Amino acid sequence: MSSIQELQKMIHENAIDQGWWESEREFGTLIALCHSELSEALEEIRKGHGIDETYYTDSGKLVGVPSELADVVIRVMDICEHYGINLESTILEKHEYNKNRPFKHGNKIF
């Protein structure tokens, strides 16, 4: 099994090989692309598909909420590798911090 850090490197290398980094990409555009993947996940629900439903188009493309959420993670990993962010260590550090936060910190409804 690959570590998050190893997977991050593989994902970024694939993005380079596929031509997505032939020129520098604006950070705001990269974030907007993450948003678009989340919107695509929401659209799957709006179309009536189940949250855990995966299916394939006629061309063989994997689609559904799980696939769109995977696309979000792939985009985030690609961004992190490009900018030299160790996502794995940051996730672990943030998780440790979150474990000590107060119950429903921030007192927000959602």
C-alpha atoms as a PDB file:
ATOM      1  CA  MET A   1       0.000   0.000   0.000  1.00  0.00           C
ATOM      2  CA  SER A   2       1.257   3.452  -0.861  1.00  0.00           C
ATOM      3  CA  SER A   3       1.548   6.218   1.687  1.00  0.00           C
ATOM      4  CA  ILE A   4      -0.311   9.433   1.068  1.00  0.00           C
ATOM      5  CA  GLN A   5       3.018  11.079   0.271  1.00  0.00           C
ATOM      6  CA  GLU A   6       3.876   8.410  -2.319  1.00  0.00           C
ATOM      7  CA  LEU A   7       0.430   8.618  -3.867  1.00  0.00           C
ATOM      8  CA  GLN A   8       0.708  12.409  -4.000  1.00  0.00           C
ATOM      9  CA  LYS A   9       3.948  12.088  -5.988  1.00  0.00           C
ATOM     10  CA  MET A  10       2.437   9.526  -8.395  1.00  0.00           C
ATOM     11  CA  ILE A  11      -0.648  11.676  -8.967  1.00  0.00           C
ATOM     12  CA  HIS A  12       1.415  14.787  -9.709  1.00  0.00           C
ATOM     13  CA  GLU A  13       3.725  12.872 -12.057  1.00  0.00           C
ATOM     14  CA  ASN A  14       0.666  11.637 -13.960  1.00  0.00           C
ATOM     15  CA  ALA A  15      -0.731  15.186 -14.171  1.00  0.00           C
ATOM     16  CA  ILE A  16       2.594  16.350 -15.617  1.00  0.00           C
ATOM     17  CA  ASP A  17       2.643  13.438 -18.080  1.00  0.00           C
ATOM     18  CA  GLN A  18      -0.921  14.293 -19.145  1.00  0.00           C
ATOM     19  CA  GLY A  19       0.105  17.887 -19.939  1.00  0.00           C
ATOM     20  CA  TRP A  20      -1.657  19.687 -17.081  1.00  0.00           C
ATOM     21  CA  TRP A  21       1.527  21.476 -15.967  1.00  0.00           C
ATOM     22  CA  GLU A  22       2.974  22.564 -19.321  1.00  0.00           C
ATOM     23  CA  SER A  23       2.643  26.101 -18.027  1.00  0.00           C
ATOM     24  CA  GLU A  24       2.210  27.516 -14.516  1.00  0.00           C
ATOM     25  CA  ARG A  25      -1.387  27.370 -13.338  1.00  0.00           C
ATOM     26  CA  GLU A  26      -2.895  30.128 -11.208  1.00  0.00           C
ATOM     27  CA  PHE A  27      -3.628  28.985  -7.641  1.00  0.00           C
ATOM     28  CA  GLY A  28      -7.166  30.398  -7.778  1.00  0.00           C
ATOM     29  CA  THR A  29      -7.880  28.309 -10.879  1.00  0.00           C
ATOM     30  CA  LEU A  30      -6.614  25.190  -9.106  1.00  0.00           C
ATOM     31  CA  ILE A  31      -8.906  25.849  -6.148  1.00  0.00           C
ATOM     32  CA  ALA A  32     -11.844  26.486  -8.507  1.00  0.00           C
ATOM     33  CA  LEU A  33     -11.194  23.106 -10.119  1.00  0.00           C
ATOM     34  CA  CYS A  34     -11.460  21.480  -6.672  1.00  0.00           C
ATOM     35  CA  HIS A  35     -14.785  23.277  -6.193  1.00  0.00           C
ATOM     36  CA  SER A  36     -15.994  21.999  -9.563  1.00  0.00           C
ATOM     37  CA  GLU A  37     -15.337  18.389  -8.559  1.00  0.00           C
ATOM     38  CA  LEU A  38     -17.378  18.907  -5.375  1.00  0.00           C
ATOM     39  CA  SER A  39     -20.167  20.441  -7.465  1.00  0.00           C
ATOM     40  CA  GLU A  40     -20.086  17.404  -9.737  1.00  0.00           C
ATOM     41  CA  ALA A  41     -20.535  15.172  -6.668  1.00  0.00           C
ATOM     42  CA  LEU A  42     -23.576  17.220  -5.660  1.00  0.00           C
ATOM     43  CA  GLU A  43     -24.986  16.970  -9.185  1.00  0.00           C
ATOM     44  CA  GLU A  44     -24.826  13.162  -8.964  1.00  0.00           C
ATOM     45  CA  ILE A  45     -27.165  13.328  -5.952  1.00  0.00           C
ATOM     46  CA  ARG A  46     -29.421  15.836  -7.714  1.00  0.00           C
ATOM     47  CA  LYS A  47     -29.684  13.349 -10.628  1.00  0.00           C
ATOM     48  CA  GLY A  48     -30.939  10.734  -8.175  1.00  0.00           C
ATOM     49  CA  HIS A  49     -27.822   8.608  -7.805  1.00  0.00           C
ATOM     50  CA  GLY A  50     -26.941   7.172  -4.401  1.00  0.00           C
ATOM     51  CA  ILE A  51     -24.075   8.599  -2.371  1.00  0.00           C
ATOM     52  CA  ASP A  52     -22.140   5.348  -2.607  1.00  0.00           C
ATOM     53  CA  GLU A  53     -23.200   4.521  -6.181  1.00  0.00           C
ATOM     54  CA  THR A  54     -20.516   4.066  -8.798  1.00  0.00           C
ATOM     55  CA  TYR A  55     -21.364   3.495 -12.442  1.00  0.00           C
ATOM     56  CA  TYR A  56     -19.756   3.799 -15.864  1.00  0.00           C
ATOM     57  CA  THR A  57     -20.577   5.855 -18.931  1.00  0.00           C
ATOM     58  CA  ASP A  58     -20.796   4.203 -22.352  1.00  0.00           C
ATOM     59  CA  SER A  59     -17.178   5.225 -22.924  1.00  0.00           C
ATOM     60  CA  GLY A  60     -16.090   3.450 -19.718  1.00  0.00           C
ATOM     61  CA  LYS A  61     -15.583   6.543 -17.549  1.00  0.00           C
ATOM     62  CA  LEU A  62     -16.050   5.908 -13.822  1.00  0.00           C
ATOM     63  CA  VAL A  63     -18.667   8.309 -12.417  1.00  0.00           C
ATOM     64  CA  GLY A  64     -20.730   8.863  -9.290  1.00  0.00           C
ATOM     65  CA  VAL A  65     -20.196  10.582  -5.943  1.00  0.00           C
ATOM     66  CA  PRO A  66     -17.278   8.303  -4.930  1.00  0.00           C
ATOM     67  CA  SER A  67     -15.519   9.051  -8.205  1.00  0.00           C
ATOM     68  CA  GLU A  68     -16.060  12.805  -7.890  1.00  0.00           C
ATOM     69  CA  LEU A  69     -14.784  12.805  -4.307  1.00  0.00           C
ATOM     70  CA  ALA A  70     -11.747  10.866  -5.504  1.00  0.00           C
ATOM     71  CA  ASP A  71     -11.234  13.586  -8.125  1.00  0.00           C
ATOM     72  CA  VAL A  72     -11.230  16.220  -5.343  1.00  0.00           C
ATOM     73  CA  VAL A  73      -8.537  14.323  -3.447  1.00  0.00           C
ATOM     74  CA  ILE A  74      -6.526  13.786  -6.634  1.00  0.00           C
ATOM     75  CA  ARG A  75      -6.626  17.503  -7.426  1.00  0.00           C
ATOM     76  CA  VAL A  76      -5.625  18.419  -3.862  1.00  0.00           C
ATOM     77  CA  MET A  77      -2.732  15.939  -3.934  1.00  0.00           C
ATOM     78  CA  ASP A  78      -1.579  17.294  -7.293  1.00  0.00           C
ATOM     79  CA  ILE A  79      -1.622  20.863  -5.956  1.00  0.00           C
ATOM     80  CA  CYS A  80       0.219  19.879  -2.784  1.00  0.00           C
ATOM     81  CA  GLU A  81       2.972  18.071  -4.652  1.00  0.00           C
ATOM     82  CA  HIS A  82       3.416  20.978  -7.063  1.00  0.00           C
ATOM     83  CA  TYR A  83       3.850  23.428  -4.185  1.00  0.00           C
ATOM     84  CA  GLY A  84       5.966  21.114  -2.030  1.00  0.00           C
ATOM     85  CA  ILE A  85       3.312  20.570   0.651  1.00  0.00           C
ATOM     86  CA  ASN A  86       3.586  17.283   2.549  1.00  0.00           C
ATOM     87  CA  LEU A  87      -0.118  16.520   2.745  1.00  0.00           C
ATOM     88  CA  GLU A  88       0.339  13.335   4.759  1.00  0.00           C
ATOM     89  CA  SER A  89       2.200  14.986   7.625  1.00  0.00           C
ATOM     90  CA  THR A  90      -0.163  17.966   7.563  1.00  0.00           C
ATOM     91  CA  ILE A  91      -3.219  15.692   7.768  1.00  0.00           C
ATOM     92  CA  LEU A  92      -1.733  13.831  10.720  1.00  0.00           C
ATOM     93  CA  GLU A  93      -0.806  17.058  12.528  1.00  0.00           C
ATOM     94  CA  LYS A  94      -4.222  18.615  11.868  1.00  0.00           C
ATOM     95  CA  HIS A  95      -5.991  15.449  13.030  1.00  0.00           C
ATOM     96  CA  GLU A  96      -4.071  15.522  16.329  1.00  0.00           C
ATOM     97  CA  TYR A  97      -5.045  19.164  16.794  1.00  0.00           C
ATOM     98  CA  ASN A  98      -8.713  18.461  15.975  1.00  0.00           C
ATOM     99  CA  LYS A  99      -8.894  15.653  18.549  1.00  0.00           C
ATOM    100  CA  ASN A 100      -8.389  18.245  21.293  1.00  0.00           C
ATOM    101  CA  ARG A 101     -10.886  20.826  20.065  1.00  0.00           C
ATOM    102  CA  PRO A 102     -14.061  21.439  22.059  1.00  0.00           C
ATOM    103  CA  PHE A 103     -17.282  19.649  21.120  1.00  0.00           C
ATOM    104  CA  LYS A 104     -18.798  21.334  18.045  1.00  0.00           C
ATOM    105  CA  HIS A 105     -16.231  24.118  18.317  1.00  0.00           C
ATOM    106  CA  GLY A 106     -17.387  27.426  16.882  1.00  0.00           C
ATOM    107  CA  ASN A 107     -21.033  26.872  17.918  1.00  0.00           C
ATOM    108  CA  LYS A 108     -22.168  26.938  14.283  1.00  0.00           C
ATOM    109  CA  ILE A 109     -25.290  25.140  13.078  1.00  0.00           C
ATOM    110  CA  PHE A 110     -23.376  23.308  10.329  1.00  0.00           C
END
